[in-house]
PDB file of N, CA and C in Angstrom:
ATOM      1  N   MET A   1     103.163  19.442  61.755  1.00  0.00           N
ATOM      2  CA  MET A   1     102.313  20.639  61.962  1.00  0.00           C
ATOM      3  C   MET A   1     102.728  22.470  61.973  1.00  0.00           C
ATOM      4  N   ASN A   2     103.281  23.131  61.696  1.00  0.00           N
ATOM      5  CA  ASN A   2     103.228  23.958  60.887  1.00  0.00           C
ATOM      6  C   ASN A   2     103.810  25.267  62.428  1.00  0.00           C
ATOM      7  N   LYS A   3     104.577  25.462  62.783  1.00  0.00           N
ATOM      8  CA  LYS A   3     104.779  26.459  63.711  1.00  0.00           C
ATOM      9  C   LYS A   3     104.898  27.691  62.708  1.00  0.00           C
ATOM     10  N   LYS A   4     104.575  28.820  63.287  1.00  0.00           N
ATOM     11  CA  LYS A   4     104.167  30.333  63.122  1.00  0.00           C
ATOM     12  C   LYS A   4     105.185  30.982  64.479  1.00  0.00           C
ATOM     13  N   LEU A   5     106.332  31.783  63.776  1.00  0.00           N
ATOM     14  CA  LEU A   5     107.298  32.399  64.619  1.00  0.00           C
ATOM     15  C   LEU A   5     107.344  33.993  64.267  1.00  0.00           C
ATOM     16  N   LYS A   6     106.986  34.983  64.899  1.00  0.00           N
ATOM     17  CA  LYS A   6     106.639  36.229  64.826  1.00  0.00           C
ATOM     18  C   LYS A   6     107.873  37.344  65.320  1.00  0.00           C
ATOM     19  N   ILE A   7     108.196  37.753  65.228  1.00  0.00           N
ATOM     20  CA  ILE A   7     109.754  38.486  65.670  1.00  0.00           C
ATOM     21  C   ILE A   7     109.073  39.785  65.331  1.00  0.00           C
ATOM     22  N   VAL A   8     108.935  40.814  67.019  1.00  0.00           N
ATOM     23  CA  VAL A   8     108.279  42.052  66.937  1.00  0.00           C
ATOM     24  C   VAL A   8     109.421  42.432  68.379  1.00  0.00           C
ATOM     25  N   LYS A   9     109.313  44.145  67.987  1.00  0.00           N
ATOM     26  CA  LYS A   9     109.839  44.849  68.928  1.00  0.00           C
ATOM     27  C   LYS A   9     109.170  44.782  70.126  1.00  0.00           C
ATOM     28  N   LYS A  10     110.427  44.538  71.288  1.00  0.00           N
ATOM     29  CA  LYS A  10     109.962  44.883  72.192  1.00  0.00           C
ATOM     30  C   LYS A  10     108.929  46.304  72.718  1.00  0.00           C
ATOM     31  N   GLY A  11     108.161  46.033  73.783  1.00  0.00           N
ATOM     32  CA  GLY A  11     106.858  47.035  73.399  1.00  0.00           C
ATOM     33  C   GLY A  11     105.682  47.013  72.183  1.00  0.00           C
ATOM     34  N   GLN A  12     105.940  46.516  71.326  1.00  0.00           N
ATOM     35  CA  GLN A  12     104.876  46.622  70.284  1.00  0.00           C
ATOM     36  C   GLN A  12     104.133  45.388  70.220  1.00  0.00           C
ATOM     37  N   ASP A  13     104.331  44.438  71.104  1.00  0.00           N
ATOM     38  CA  ASP A  13     103.448  43.205  70.801  1.00  0.00           C
ATOM     39  C   ASP A  13     102.316  43.617  71.959  1.00  0.00           C
ATOM     40  N   ASP A  14     100.740  43.991  71.407  1.00  0.00           N
ATOM     41  CA  ASP A  14      99.651  44.731  72.186  1.00  0.00           C
ATOM     42  C   ASP A  14      99.152  42.934  72.941  1.00  0.00           C
ATOM     43  N   GLY A  15      99.238  41.836  71.524  1.00  0.00           N
ATOM     44  CA  GLY A  15      98.106  41.122  72.118  1.00  0.00           C
ATOM     45  C   GLY A  15      98.542  40.367  73.379  1.00  0.00           C
ATOM     46  N   ASN A  16      99.569  40.055  74.459  1.00  0.00           N
ATOM     47  CA  ASN A  16     100.028  40.063  75.710  1.00  0.00           C
ATOM     48  C   ASN A  16      99.364  40.631  76.539  1.00  0.00           C
ATOM     49  N   ILE A  17      99.307  42.038  76.251  1.00  0.00           N
ATOM     50  CA  ILE A  17      98.873  43.498  77.403  1.00  0.00           C
ATOM     51  C   ILE A  17      97.447  43.115  77.391  1.00  0.00           C
ATOM     52  N   LEU A  18      96.745  42.805  75.999  1.00  0.00           N
ATOM     53  CA  LEU A  18      95.488  42.872  75.747  1.00  0.00           C
ATOM     54  C   LEU A  18      95.447  41.416  76.446  1.00  0.00           C
ATOM     55  N   TYR A  19      95.199  39.902  76.040  1.00  0.00           N
ATOM     56  CA  TYR A  19      94.946  39.208  77.127  1.00  0.00           C
ATOM     57  C   TYR A  19      95.271  39.544  78.814  1.00  0.00           C
ATOM     58  N   TRP A  20      95.560  39.778  79.338  1.00  0.00           N
ATOM     59  CA  TRP A  20      95.328  40.296  80.780  1.00  0.00           C
ATOM     60  C   TRP A  20      94.697  40.984  80.873  1.00  0.00           C
ATOM     61  N   LEU A  21      94.370  41.979  80.073  1.00  0.00           N
ATOM     62  CA  LEU A  21      93.290  43.152  80.469  1.00  0.00           C
ATOM     63  C   LEU A  21      91.787  42.601  80.086  1.00  0.00           C
ATOM     64  N   SER A  22      91.802  41.579  79.544  1.00  0.00           N
ATOM     65  CA  SER A  22      90.504  40.922  79.101  1.00  0.00           C
ATOM     66  C   SER A  22      90.100  40.249  80.424  1.00  0.00           C
ATOM     67  N   LEU A  23      90.930  39.862  81.080  1.00  0.00           N
ATOM     68  CA  LEU A  23      90.802  38.897  82.289  1.00  0.00           C
ATOM     69  C   LEU A  23      90.356  39.989  83.821  1.00  0.00           C
ATOM     70  N   THR A  24      89.670  38.737  84.522  1.00  0.00           N
ATOM     71  CA  THR A  24      88.936  39.342  85.633  1.00  0.00           C
ATOM     72  C   THR A  24      89.795  39.767  86.936  1.00  0.00           C
ATOM     73  N   TYR A  25      89.761  40.228  88.045  1.00  0.00           N
ATOM     74  CA  TYR A  25      90.600  40.036  88.922  1.00  0.00           C
ATOM     75  C   TYR A  25      91.350  38.805  89.123  1.00  0.00           C
ATOM     76  N   ARG A  26      90.510  38.184  89.565  1.00  0.00           N
ATOM     77  CA  ARG A  26      90.289  36.351  89.960  1.00  0.00           C
ATOM     78  C   ARG A  26      91.284  35.484  89.056  1.00  0.00           C
ATOM     79  N   GLU A  27      90.306  35.876  87.880  1.00  0.00           N
ATOM     80  CA  GLU A  27      91.036  34.824  86.439  1.00  0.00           C
ATOM     81  C   GLU A  27      92.534  35.073  86.333  1.00  0.00           C
ATOM     82  N   ARG A  28      93.235  36.412  86.529  1.00  0.00           N
ATOM     83  CA  ARG A  28      94.654  37.416  86.400  1.00  0.00           C
ATOM     84  C   ARG A  28      95.545  36.164  87.924  1.00  0.00           C
ATOM     85  N   MET A  29      94.450  36.302  89.182  1.00  0.00           N
ATOM     86  CA  MET A  29      95.408  35.841  90.351  1.00  0.00           C
ATOM     87  C   MET A  29      95.572  33.958  90.110  1.00  0.00           C
ATOM     88  N   LEU A  30      94.427  33.501  89.493  1.00  0.00           N
ATOM     89  CA  LEU A  30      94.690  32.416  89.132  1.00  0.00           C
ATOM     90  C   LEU A  30      95.451  32.074  87.993  1.00  0.00           C
ATOM     91  N   GLU A  31      95.751  32.295  87.164  1.00  0.00           N
ATOM     92  CA  GLU A  31      96.653  32.425  86.279  1.00  0.00           C
ATOM     93  C   GLU A  31      98.478  32.475  86.777  1.00  0.00           C
ATOM     94  N   LEU A  32      98.416  33.601  87.755  1.00  0.00           N
ATOM     95  CA  LEU A  32      99.478  33.919  88.088  1.00  0.00           C
ATOM     96  C   LEU A  32      99.762  32.709  89.081  1.00  0.00           C
ATOM     97  N   GLU A  33      99.094  32.270  89.668  1.00  0.00           N
ATOM     98  CA  GLU A  33      99.057  30.738  90.963  1.00  0.00           C
ATOM     99  C   GLU A  33      99.921  29.894  89.808  1.00  0.00           C
ATOM    100  N   ARG A  34      99.578  29.511  88.808  1.00  0.00           N
ATOM    101  CA  ARG A  34      99.803  28.526  87.903  1.00  0.00           C
ATOM    102  C   ARG A  34     100.646  28.608  86.977  1.00  0.00           C
ATOM    103  N   ILE A  35     101.358  29.851  86.905  1.00  0.00           N
ATOM    104  CA  ILE A  35     102.716  30.096  86.206  1.00  0.00           C
ATOM    105  C   ILE A  35     103.799  29.736  87.392  1.00  0.00           C
ATOM    106  N   ARG A  36     103.455  30.293  88.674  1.00  0.00           N
ATOM    107  CA  ARG A  36     104.360  30.369  89.788  1.00  0.00           C
ATOM    108  C   ARG A  36     104.303  28.766  90.127  1.00  0.00           C
ATOM    109  N   LYS A  37     103.610  27.958  90.394  1.00  0.00           N
ATOM    110  CA  LYS A  37     103.802  26.690  90.564  1.00  0.00           C
ATOM    111  C   LYS A  37     104.223  26.004  89.247  1.00  0.00           C
ATOM    112  N   GLN A  38     104.241  26.174  88.097  1.00  0.00           N
ATOM    113  CA  GLN A  38     105.584  25.853  87.263  1.00  0.00           C
ATOM    114  C   GLN A  38     106.153  26.267  87.133  1.00  0.00           C
ATOM    115  N   VAL A  39     106.669  27.595  87.364  1.00  0.00           N
ATOM    116  CA  VAL A  39     108.206  27.699  88.169  1.00  0.00           C
ATOM    117  C   VAL A  39     108.838  27.111  88.797  1.00  0.00           C
ATOM    118  N   ASN A  40     107.865  26.962  89.729  1.00  0.00           N
ATOM    119  CA  ASN A  40     108.823  26.101  91.245  1.00  0.00           C
ATOM    120  C   ASN A  40     108.934  24.926  90.326  1.00  0.00           C
ATOM    121  N   HIS A  41     108.060  23.711  89.755  1.00  0.00           N
ATOM    122  CA  HIS A  41     107.826  22.703  89.910  1.00  0.00           C
ATOM    123  C   HIS A  41     109.455  22.509  88.689  1.00  0.00           C
ATOM    124  N   PHE A  42     109.327  23.752  88.070  1.00  0.00           N
ATOM    125  CA  PHE A  42     110.313  23.321  87.053  1.00  0.00           C
ATOM    126  C   PHE A  42     112.018  23.713  87.665  1.00  0.00           C
ATOM    127  N   LYS A  43     112.011  24.512  89.094  1.00  0.00           N
ATOM    128  CA  LYS A  43     113.265  24.925  89.310  1.00  0.00           C
ATOM    129  C   LYS A  43     113.861  23.955  90.503  1.00  0.00           C
ATOM    130  N   TYR A  44     112.413  23.431  91.146  1.00  0.00           N
ATOM    131  CA  TYR A  44     112.647  22.596  92.708  1.00  0.00           C
ATOM    132  C   TYR A  44     112.121  20.916  91.951  1.00  0.00           C
ATOM    133  N   GLY A  45     111.652  20.647  91.131  1.00  0.00           N
ATOM    134  CA  GLY A  45     110.859  19.388  90.889  1.00  0.00           C
ATOM    135  C   GLY A  45     109.912  18.945  91.929  1.00  0.00           C
ATOM    136  N   THR A  46     109.559  17.927  92.411  1.00  0.00           N
ATOM    137  CA  THR A  46     108.898  17.583  93.664  1.00  0.00           C
ATOM    138  C   THR A  46     108.690  17.535  94.909  1.00  0.00           C
ATOM    139  N   ARG A  47     109.976  17.701  95.207  1.00  0.00           N
ATOM    140  CA  ARG A  47     110.311  18.182  96.261  1.00  0.00           C
ATOM    141  C   ARG A  47     109.962  19.127  97.260  1.00  0.00           C
ATOM    142  N   GLN A  48     109.579  19.211  98.201  1.00  0.00           N
ATOM    143  CA  GLN A  48     108.949  20.218  99.210  1.00  0.00           C
ATOM    144  C   GLN A  48     109.652  20.028 100.612  1.00  0.00           C
ATOM    145  N   GLU A  49     110.003  20.762 100.847  1.00  0.00           N
ATOM    146  CA  GLU A  49     110.887  20.577 101.689  1.00  0.00           C
ATOM    147  C   GLU A  49     110.879  22.721 102.414  1.00  0.00           C
ATOM    148  N   PHE A  50     110.801  22.290 103.825  1.00  0.00           N
ATOM    149  CA  PHE A  50     110.471  23.717 104.625  1.00  0.00           C
ATOM    150  C   PHE A  50     111.881  24.451 104.513  1.00  0.00           C
ATOM    151  N   GLN A  51     111.896  25.677 104.577  1.00  0.00           N
ATOM    152  CA  GLN A  51     112.957  26.680 104.370  1.00  0.00           C
ATOM    153  C   GLN A  51     114.362  26.492 106.003  1.00  0.00           C
ATOM    154  N   ARG A  52     115.454  26.772 105.870  1.00  0.00           N
ATOM    155  CA  ARG A  52     115.981  26.506 107.221  1.00  0.00           C
ATOM    156  C   ARG A  52     115.784  27.976 107.640  1.00  0.00           C
ATOM    157  N   VAL A  53     115.902  28.217 109.078  1.00  0.00           N
ATOM    158  CA  VAL A  53     115.986  29.686 109.445  1.00  0.00           C
ATOM    159  C   VAL A  53     116.663  29.594 110.808  1.00  0.00           C
ATOM    160  N   TYR A  54     117.671  29.994 110.639  1.00  0.00           N
ATOM    161  CA  TYR A  54     118.663  30.477 111.411  1.00  0.00           C
ATOM    162  C   TYR A  54     118.462  31.750 112.614  1.00  0.00           C
ATOM    163  N   ARG A  55     118.897  31.617 113.477  1.00  0.00           N
ATOM    164  CA  ARG A  55     119.090  32.963 114.534  1.00  0.00           C
ATOM    165  C   ARG A  55     119.837  32.973 114.538  1.00  0.00           C
ATOM    166  N   ILE A  56     120.851  34.317 114.634  1.00  0.00           N
ATOM    167  CA  ILE A  56     121.674  34.713 115.184  1.00  0.00           C
ATOM    168  C   ILE A  56     121.796  35.453 116.540  1.00  0.00           C
ATOM    169  N   ILE A  57     122.586  35.009 117.295  1.00  0.00           N
ATOM    170  CA  ILE A  57     122.289  35.706 118.851  1.00  0.00           C
ATOM    171  C   ILE A  57     123.781  36.281 119.626  1.00  0.00           C
ATOM    172  N   LYS A  58     123.488  37.401 119.611  1.00  0.00           N
ATOM    173  CA  LYS A  58     124.766  38.285 120.307  1.00  0.00           C
ATOM    174  C   LYS A  58     124.672  37.632 121.689  1.00  0.00           C
ATOM    175  N   ARG A  59     125.990  37.087 121.868  1.00  0.00           N
ATOM    176  CA  ARG A  59     126.533  37.534 123.043  1.00  0.00           C
ATOM    177  C   ARG A  59     127.490  38.182 123.673  1.00  0.00           C
ATOM    178  N   THR A  60     127.016  38.432 124.921  1.00  0.00           N
ATOM    179  CA  THR A  60     128.066  39.144 125.626  1.00  0.00           C
ATOM    180  C   THR A  60     128.669  39.058 126.941  1.00  0.00           C
TER     181      THR A  60
END
């Protein structure tokens, strides 16, 4: 398999913005949700836990 690597300066890669602009609003949201799930799976693995909630009460 031949991999190609193209180095471009920041802001000169129009392919990325054209891709996102070609999607509908719904497709963008679905894609962002898929990316969010991938990041969470990479960062936290398969464990799903509730966040801890602490309440600070000022006593007089």
